[in-house]
């Protein structure tokens, strides 16, 4: 009967491991949902950025060429 305490200890440890496993599964599911939400947000922002770039390019195309050169020069001056 000396094995009974060892078996009980083993049972307790297995139960704790199973509970921890369940907790990790729930945490993993929440993290996956968070990743999915962030992926959607990133894709939306990339789409908005692309649309904004297209609008800016369209506006630049409508400017006379001399103004575009001056605007580019002014932007470069502001960077230095």
PDB file of N, CA and C in Angstrom:
ATOM      1  N   UNK A   1       0.812  -1.199   0.000  1.00  0.00           N
ATOM      2  CA  UNK A   1       0.000   0.000   0.000  1.00  0.00           C
ATOM      3  C   UNK A   1       0.858   1.266   0.000  1.00  0.00           C
ATOM      4  N   UNK A   2       2.154   1.119  -0.052  1.00  0.00           N
ATOM      5  CA  UNK A   2       3.042   2.273  -0.090  1.00  0.00           C
ATOM      6  C   UNK A   2       2.928   2.986  -1.427  1.00  0.00           C
ATOM      7  N   UNK A   3       2.406   2.319  -2.445  1.00  0.00           N
ATOM      8  CA  UNK A   3       2.246   2.919  -3.762  1.00  0.00           C
ATOM      9  C   UNK A   3       1.077   3.893  -3.828  1.00  0.00           C
ATOM     10  N   UNK A   4       0.139   3.811  -2.916  1.00  0.00           N
ATOM     11  CA  UNK A   4      -1.048   4.658  -2.946  1.00  0.00           C
ATOM     12  C   UNK A   4      -0.698   6.141  -2.907  1.00  0.00           C
ATOM     13  N   UNK A   5       0.180   6.624  -2.026  1.00  0.00           N
ATOM     14  CA  UNK A   5       0.522   8.054  -2.049  1.00  0.00           C
ATOM     15  C   UNK A   5       1.179   8.458  -3.370  1.00  0.00           C
ATOM     16  N   UNK A   6       1.998   7.598  -3.946  1.00  0.00           N
ATOM     17  CA  UNK A   6       2.632   7.915  -5.216  1.00  0.00           C
ATOM     18  C   UNK A   6       1.600   8.015  -6.332  1.00  0.00           C
ATOM     19  N   UNK A   7       0.633   7.107  -6.308  1.00  0.00           N
ATOM     20  CA  UNK A   7      -0.423   7.142  -7.324  1.00  0.00           C
ATOM     21  C   UNK A   7      -1.249   8.404  -7.166  1.00  0.00           C
ATOM     22  N   UNK A   8      -1.575   8.765  -5.924  1.00  0.00           N
ATOM     23  CA  UNK A   8      -2.354   9.980  -5.679  1.00  0.00           C
ATOM     24  C   UNK A   8      -1.586  11.219  -6.140  1.00  0.00           C
ATOM     25  N   UNK A   9      -0.278  11.236  -5.883  1.00  0.00           N
ATOM     26  CA  UNK A   9       0.542  12.350  -6.333  1.00  0.00           C
ATOM     27  C   UNK A   9       0.553  12.427  -7.857  1.00  0.00           C
ATOM     28  N   UNK A  10       0.652  11.259  -8.473  1.00  0.00           N
ATOM     29  CA  UNK A  10       0.651  11.203  -9.936  1.00  0.00           C
ATOM     30  C   UNK A  10      -0.686  11.683 -10.492  1.00  0.00           C
ATOM     31  N   UNK A  11      -1.779  11.254  -9.875  1.00  0.00           N
ATOM     32  CA  UNK A  11      -3.109  11.679 -10.308  1.00  0.00           C
ATOM     33  C   UNK A  11      -3.245  13.197 -10.176  1.00  0.00           C
ATOM     34  N   UNK A  12      -2.794  13.758  -9.053  1.00  0.00           N
ATOM     35  CA  UNK A  12      -2.863  15.203  -8.856  1.00  0.00           C
ATOM     36  C   UNK A  12      -2.041  15.941  -9.911  1.00  0.00           C
ATOM     37  N   UNK A  13      -0.873  15.407 -10.192  1.00  0.00           N
ATOM     38  CA  UNK A  13      -0.019  16.057 -11.181  1.00  0.00           C
ATOM     39  C   UNK A  13      -0.641  16.004 -12.578  1.00  0.00           C
ATOM     40  N   UNK A  14      -1.197  14.883 -12.934  1.00  0.00           N
ATOM     41  CA  UNK A  14      -1.866  14.744 -14.233  1.00  0.00           C
ATOM     42  C   UNK A  14      -3.053  15.701 -14.314  1.00  0.00           C
ATOM     43  N   UNK A  15      -3.815  15.824 -13.237  1.00  0.00           N
ATOM     44  CA  UNK A  15      -4.954  16.744 -13.221  1.00  0.00           C
ATOM     45  C   UNK A  15      -4.487  18.189 -13.402  1.00  0.00           C
ATOM     46  N   UNK A  16      -3.386  18.559 -12.735  1.00  0.00           N
ATOM     47  CA  UNK A  16      -2.850  19.912 -12.892  1.00  0.00           C
ATOM     48  C   UNK A  16      -2.369  20.134 -14.325  1.00  0.00           C
ATOM     49  N   UNK A  17      -1.726  19.138 -14.897  1.00  0.00           N
ATOM     50  CA  UNK A  17      -1.269  19.252 -16.283  1.00  0.00           C
ATOM     51  C   UNK A  17      -2.442  19.405 -17.244  1.00  0.00           C
ATOM     52  N   UNK A  18      -3.518  18.672 -17.005  1.00  0.00           N
ATOM     53  CA  UNK A  18      -4.704  18.779 -17.862  1.00  0.00           C
ATOM     54  C   UNK A  18      -5.346  20.156 -17.734  1.00  0.00           C
ATOM     55  N   UNK A  19      -5.393  20.683 -16.515  1.00  0.00           N
ATOM     56  CA  UNK A  19      -5.948  22.027 -16.331  1.00  0.00           C
ATOM     57  C   UNK A  19      -5.069  23.055 -17.036  1.00  0.00           C
ATOM     58  N   UNK A  20      -3.760  22.908 -16.903  1.00  0.00           N
ATOM     59  CA  UNK A  20      -2.841  23.837 -17.562  1.00  0.00           C
ATOM     60  C   UNK A  20      -2.982  23.752 -19.074  1.00  0.00           C
ATOM     61  N   UNK A  21      -3.157  22.537 -19.577  1.00  0.00           N
ATOM     62  CA  UNK A  21      -3.355  22.332 -21.014  1.00  0.00           C
ATOM     63  C   UNK A  21      -4.614  23.057 -21.488  1.00  0.00           C
ATOM     64  N   UNK A  22      -5.696  22.938 -20.739  1.00  0.00           N
ATOM     65  CA  UNK A  22      -6.941  23.640 -21.088  1.00  0.00           C
ATOM     66  C   UNK A  22      -6.740  25.156 -21.081  1.00  0.00           C
ATOM     67  N   UNK A  23      -6.018  25.656 -20.073  1.00  0.00           N
ATOM     68  CA  UNK A  23      -5.742  27.093 -20.004  1.00  0.00           C
ATOM     69  C   UNK A  23      -4.931  27.549 -21.216  1.00  0.00           C
ATOM     70  N   UNK A  24      -3.936  26.764 -21.577  1.00  0.00           N
ATOM     71  CA  UNK A  24      -3.104  27.124 -22.725  1.00  0.00           C
ATOM     72  C   UNK A  24      -3.902  27.088 -24.029  1.00  0.00           C
ATOM     73  N   UNK A  25      -4.813  26.142 -24.148  1.00  0.00           N
ATOM     74  CA  UNK A  25      -5.662  26.099 -25.346  1.00  0.00           C
ATOM     75  C   UNK A  25      -6.530  27.349 -25.440  1.00  0.00           C
ATOM     76  N   UNK A  26      -7.122  27.762 -24.327  1.00  0.00           N
ATOM     77  CA  UNK A  26      -7.952  28.974 -24.328  1.00  0.00           C
ATOM     78  C   UNK A  26      -7.107  30.206 -24.654  1.00  0.00           C
ATOM     79  N   UNK A  27      -5.936  30.284 -24.053  1.00  0.00           N
ATOM     80  CA  UNK A  27      -5.045  31.413 -24.315  1.00  0.00           C
ATOM     81  C   UNK A  27      -4.639  31.443 -25.777  1.00  0.00           C
ATOM     82  N   UNK A  28      -4.315  30.290 -26.316  1.00  0.00           N
ATOM     83  CA  UNK A  28      -3.923  30.202 -27.721  1.00  0.00           C
ATOM     84  C   UNK A  28      -5.062  30.642 -28.636  1.00  0.00           C
ATOM     85  N   UNK A  29      -6.272  30.256 -28.325  1.00  0.00           N
ATOM     86  CA  UNK A  29      -7.423  30.657 -29.138  1.00  0.00           C
ATOM     87  C   UNK A  29      -7.615  32.174 -29.088  1.00  0.00           C
ATOM     88  N   UNK A  30      -7.478  32.754 -27.904  1.00  0.00           N
ATOM     89  CA  UNK A  30      -7.600  34.215 -27.783  1.00  0.00           C
ATOM     90  C   UNK A  30      -6.499  34.918 -28.575  1.00  0.00           C
ATOM     91  N   UNK A  31      -5.284  34.398 -28.491  1.00  0.00           N
ATOM     92  CA  UNK A  31      -4.184  34.996 -29.246  1.00  0.00           C
ATOM     93  C   UNK A  31      -4.411  34.880 -30.753  1.00  0.00           C
ATOM     94  N   UNK A  32      -4.933  33.749 -31.191  1.00  0.00           N
ATOM     95  CA  UNK A  32      -5.233  33.587 -32.620  1.00  0.00           C
ATOM     96  C   UNK A  32      -6.303  34.576 -33.075  1.00  0.00           C
ATOM     97  N   UNK A  33      -7.306  34.806 -32.233  1.00  0.00           N
ATOM     98  CA  UNK A  33      -8.334  35.792 -32.565  1.00  0.00           C
ATOM     99  C   UNK A  33      -7.730  37.185 -32.648  1.00  0.00           C
ATOM    100  N   UNK A  34      -6.814  37.476 -31.739  1.00  0.00           N
ATOM    101  CA  UNK A  34      -6.154  38.786 -31.740  1.00  0.00           C
ATOM    102  C   UNK A  34      -5.302  38.951 -33.001  1.00  0.00           C
ATOM    103  N   UNK A  35      -4.593  37.924 -33.372  1.00  0.00           N
ATOM    104  CA  UNK A  35      -3.774  37.967 -34.592  1.00  0.00           C
ATOM    105  C   UNK A  35      -4.671  38.183 -35.809  1.00  0.00           C
ATOM    106  N   UNK A  36      -5.792  37.491 -35.853  1.00  0.00           N
ATOM    107  CA  UNK A  36      -6.727  37.660 -36.981  1.00  0.00           C
ATOM    108  C   UNK A  36      -7.235  39.100 -37.057  1.00  0.00           C
ATOM    109  N   UNK A  37      -7.586  39.665 -35.901  1.00  0.00           N
ATOM    110  CA  UNK A  37      -8.082  41.050 -35.884  1.00  0.00           C
ATOM    111  C   UNK A  37      -6.997  42.022 -36.332  1.00  0.00           C
ATOM    112  N   UNK A  38      -5.770  41.803 -35.868  1.00  0.00           N
ATOM    113  CA  UNK A  38      -4.672  42.681 -36.266  1.00  0.00           C
ATOM    114  C   UNK A  38      -4.343  42.524 -37.747  1.00  0.00           C
ATOM    115  N   UNK A  39      -4.466  41.331 -38.269  1.00  0.00           N
ATOM    116  CA  UNK A  39      -4.228  41.101 -39.694  1.00  0.00           C
ATOM    117  C   UNK A  39      -5.252  41.853 -40.532  1.00  0.00           C
ATOM    118  N   UNK A  40      -6.508  41.811 -40.119  1.00  0.00           N
ATOM    119  CA  UNK A  40      -7.547  42.560 -40.831  1.00  0.00           C
ATOM    120  C   UNK A  40      -7.277  44.062 -40.762  1.00  0.00           C
ATOM    121  N   UNK A  41      -6.880  44.535 -39.596  1.00  0.00           N
ATOM    122  CA  UNK A  41      -6.590  45.960 -39.443  1.00  0.00           C
ATOM    123  C   UNK A  41      -5.406  46.364 -40.324  1.00  0.00           C
ATOM    124  N   UNK A  42      -4.359  45.535 -40.343  1.00  0.00           N
ATOM    125  CA  UNK A  42      -3.192  45.824 -41.173  1.00  0.00           C
ATOM    126  C   UNK A  42      -3.572  45.872 -42.646  1.00  0.00           C
ATOM    127  N   UNK A  43      -4.368  44.890 -43.089  1.00  0.00           N
ATOM    128  CA  UNK A  43      -4.783  44.864 -44.487  1.00  0.00           C
ATOM    129  C   UNK A  43      -5.605  46.101 -44.845  1.00  0.00           C
ATOM    130  N   UNK A  44      -6.467  46.512 -43.922  1.00  0.00           N
ATOM    131  CA  UNK A  44      -7.271  47.715 -44.147  1.00  0.00           C
ATOM    132  C   UNK A  44      -6.379  48.946 -44.255  1.00  0.00           C
ATOM    133  N   UNK A  45      -5.398  49.050 -43.363  1.00  0.00           N
ATOM    134  CA  UNK A  45      -4.492  50.201 -43.399  1.00  0.00           C
ATOM    135  C   UNK A  45      -3.645  50.204 -44.671  1.00  0.00           C
ATOM    136  N   UNK A  46      -3.206  49.033 -45.109  1.00  0.00           N
ATOM    137  CA  UNK A  46      -2.431  48.957 -46.348  1.00  0.00           C
ATOM    138  C   UNK A  46      -3.276  49.390 -47.536  1.00  0.00           C
ATOM    139  N   UNK A  47      -4.536  49.003 -47.535  1.00  0.00           N
ATOM    140  CA  UNK A  47      -5.445  49.394 -48.610  1.00  0.00           C
ATOM    141  C   UNK A  47      -5.668  50.905 -48.608  1.00  0.00           C
ATOM    142  N   UNK A  48      -5.879  51.465 -47.420  1.00  0.00           N
ATOM    143  CA  UNK A  48      -6.068  52.913 -47.313  1.00  0.00           C
ATOM    144  C   UNK A  48      -4.817  53.665 -47.745  1.00  0.00           C
ATOM    145  N   UNK A  49      -3.657  53.146 -47.377  1.00  0.00           N
ATOM    146  CA  UNK A  49      -2.396  53.775 -47.776  1.00  0.00           C
ATOM    147  C   UNK A  49      -2.239  53.744 -49.289  1.00  0.00           C
ATOM    148  N   UNK A  50      -2.562  52.626 -49.879  1.00  0.00           N
ATOM    149  CA  UNK A  50      -2.463  52.501 -51.337  1.00  0.00           C
ATOM    150  C   UNK A  50      -3.397  53.493 -52.031  1.00  0.00           C
ATOM    151  N   UNK A  51      -4.616  53.610 -51.514  1.00  0.00           N
ATOM    152  CA  UNK A  51      -5.569  54.552 -52.094  1.00  0.00           C
ATOM    153  C   UNK A  51      -5.077  55.989 -51.937  1.00  0.00           C
ATOM    154  N   UNK A  52      -4.513  56.314 -50.784  1.00  0.00           N
ATOM    155  CA  UNK A  52      -3.999  57.661 -50.551  1.00  0.00           C
ATOM    156  C   UNK A  52      -2.825  57.954 -51.487  1.00  0.00           C
ATOM    157  N   UNK A  53      -1.960  56.978 -51.671  1.00  0.00           N
ATOM    158  CA  UNK A  53      -0.833  57.172 -52.595  1.00  0.00           C
ATOM    159  C   UNK A  53      -1.332  57.416 -54.015  1.00  0.00           C
ATOM    160  N   UNK A  54      -2.351  56.663 -54.405  1.00  0.00           N
ATOM    161  CA  UNK A  54      -2.903  56.842 -55.751  1.00  0.00           C
ATOM    162  C   UNK A  54      -3.489  58.247 -55.907  1.00  0.00           C
ATOM    163  N   UNK A  55      -4.178  58.724 -54.862  1.00  0.00           N
ATOM    164  CA  UNK A  55      -4.739  60.074 -54.926  1.00  0.00           C
ATOM    165  C   UNK A  55      -3.636  61.122 -55.016  1.00  0.00           C
ATOM    166  N   UNK A  56      -2.580  60.966 -54.224  1.00  0.00           N
ATOM    167  CA  UNK A  56      -1.467  61.912 -54.262  1.00  0.00           C
ATOM    168  C   UNK A  56      -0.795  61.872 -55.629  1.00  0.00           C
ATOM    169  N   UNK A  57      -0.567  60.667 -56.152  1.00  0.00           N
ATOM    170  CA  UNK A  57       0.028  60.557 -57.486  1.00  0.00           C
ATOM    171  C   UNK A  57      -0.847  61.232 -58.538  1.00  0.00           C
ATOM    172  N   UNK A  58      -2.163  61.062 -58.414  1.00  0.00           N
ATOM    173  CA  UNK A  58      -3.085  61.709 -59.341  1.00  0.00           C
ATOM    174  C   UNK A  58      -3.007  63.217 -59.252  1.00  0.00           C
ATOM    175  N   UNK A  59      -2.917  63.723 -58.043  1.00  0.00           N
ATOM    176  CA  UNK A  59      -2.792  65.173 -57.864  1.00  0.00           C
ATOM    177  C   UNK A  59      -1.466  65.675 -58.415  1.00  0.00           C
ATOM    178  N   UNK A  60      -0.397  64.943 -58.191  1.00  0.00           N
ATOM    179  CA  UNK A  60       0.907  65.348 -58.716  1.00  0.00           C
ATOM    180  C   UNK A  60       0.907  65.352 -60.240  1.00  0.00           C
ATOM    181  N   UNK A  61       0.217  64.387 -60.832  1.00  0.00           N
ATOM    182  CA  UNK A  61       0.141  64.335 -62.294  1.00  0.00           C
ATOM    183  C   UNK A  61      -0.604  65.536 -62.864  1.00  0.00           C
ATOM    184  N   UNK A  62      -1.507  66.093 -62.089  1.00  0.00           N
ATOM    185  CA  UNK A  62      -2.290  67.234 -62.563  1.00  0.00           C
ATOM    186  C   UNK A  62      -1.526  68.552 -62.446  1.00  0.00           C
ATOM    187  N   UNK A  63      -0.475  68.575 -61.642  1.00  0.00           N
ATOM    188  CA  UNK A  63       0.316  69.798 -61.494  1.00  0.00           C
ATOM    189  C   UNK A  63       1.175  70.020 -62.729  1.00  0.00           C
ATOM    190  N   UNK A  64       1.396  71.289 -63.067  1.00  0.00           N
ATOM    191  CA  UNK A  64       2.339  71.568 -64.156  1.00  0.00           C
ATOM    192  C   UNK A  64       3.730  71.037 -63.769  1.00  0.00           C
ATOM    193  N   UNK A  65       4.493  70.641 -64.751  1.00  0.00           N
ATOM    194  CA  UNK A  65       5.792  70.016 -64.503  1.00  0.00           C
ATOM    195  C   UNK A  65       6.733  70.903 -63.693  1.00  0.00           C
ATOM    196  N   UNK A  66       6.747  72.191 -63.926  1.00  0.00           N
ATOM    197  CA  UNK A  66       7.637  73.090 -63.189  1.00  0.00           C
ATOM    198  C   UNK A  66       7.301  73.072 -61.700  1.00  0.00           C
ATOM    199  N   UNK A  67       6.028  73.057 -61.375  1.00  0.00           N
ATOM    200  CA  UNK A  67       5.623  73.051 -59.977  1.00  0.00           C
ATOM    201  C   UNK A  67       5.994  71.743 -59.319  1.00  0.00           C
ATOM    202  N   UNK A  68       5.911  70.649 -60.055  1.00  0.00           N
ATOM    203  CA  UNK A  68       6.275  69.344 -59.498  1.00  0.00           C
ATOM    204  C   UNK A  68       7.749  69.344 -59.129  1.00  0.00           C
ATOM    205  N   UNK A  69       8.598  69.899 -60.006  1.00  0.00           N
ATOM    206  CA  UNK A  69      10.031  69.960 -59.720  1.00  0.00           C
ATOM    207  C   UNK A  69      10.298  70.824 -58.502  1.00  0.00           C
ATOM    208  N   UNK A  70       9.620  71.962 -58.416  1.00  0.00           N
ATOM    209  CA  UNK A  70       9.802  72.839 -57.269  1.00  0.00           C
ATOM    210  C   UNK A  70       9.308  72.170 -55.990  1.00  0.00           C
ATOM    211  N   UNK A  71       8.181  71.477 -56.075  1.00  0.00           N
ATOM    212  CA  UNK A  71       7.631  70.805 -54.901  1.00  0.00           C
ATOM    213  C   UNK A  71       8.570  69.694 -54.448  1.00  0.00           C
ATOM    214  N   UNK A  72       9.139  68.976 -55.379  1.00  0.00           N
ATOM    215  CA  UNK A  72      10.088  67.929 -55.022  1.00  0.00           C
ATOM    216  C   UNK A  72      11.318  68.530 -54.374  1.00  0.00           C
ATOM    217  N   UNK A  73      11.796  69.641 -54.917  1.00  0.00           N
ATOM    218  CA  UNK A  73      12.965  70.313 -54.347  1.00  0.00           C
ATOM    219  C   UNK A  73      12.672  70.831 -52.951  1.00  0.00           C
ATOM    220  N   UNK A  74      11.488  71.374 -52.739  1.00  0.00           N
ATOM    221  CA  UNK A  74      11.122  71.881 -51.417  1.00  0.00           C
ATOM    222  C   UNK A  74      11.035  70.746 -50.414  1.00  0.00           C
ATOM    223  N   UNK A  75      10.496  69.632 -50.846  1.00  0.00           N
ATOM    224  CA  UNK A  75      10.378  68.481 -49.941  1.00  0.00           C
ATOM    225  C   UNK A  75      11.752  67.962 -49.560  1.00  0.00           C
ATOM    226  N   UNK A  76      12.678  67.947 -50.522  1.00  0.00           N
ATOM    227  CA  UNK A  76      14.032  67.485 -50.236  1.00  0.00           C
ATOM    228  C   UNK A  76      14.752  68.442 -49.298  1.00  0.00           C
ATOM    229  N   UNK A  77      14.515  69.743 -49.479  1.00  0.00           N
ATOM    230  CA  UNK A  77      15.142  70.726 -48.605  1.00  0.00           C
ATOM    231  C   UNK A  77      14.659  70.562 -47.177  1.00  0.00           C
ATOM    232  N   UNK A  78      13.395  70.236 -47.028  1.00  0.00           N
ATOM    233  CA  UNK A  78      12.827  70.072 -45.698  1.00  0.00           C
ATOM    234  C   UNK A  78      13.375  68.842 -44.982  1.00  0.00           C
ATOM    235  N   UNK A  79      13.877  67.872 -45.736  1.00  0.00           N
ATOM    236  CA  UNK A  79      14.398  66.647 -45.127  1.00  0.00           C
ATOM    237  C   UNK A  79      15.784  66.839 -44.554  1.00  0.00           C
ATOM    238  N   UNK A  80      16.555  67.763 -45.106  1.00  0.00           N
ATOM    239  CA  UNK A  80      17.936  67.935 -44.659  1.00  0.00           C
ATOM    240  C   UNK A  80      18.046  68.894 -43.511  1.00  0.00           C
TER     241      UNK A  80
END
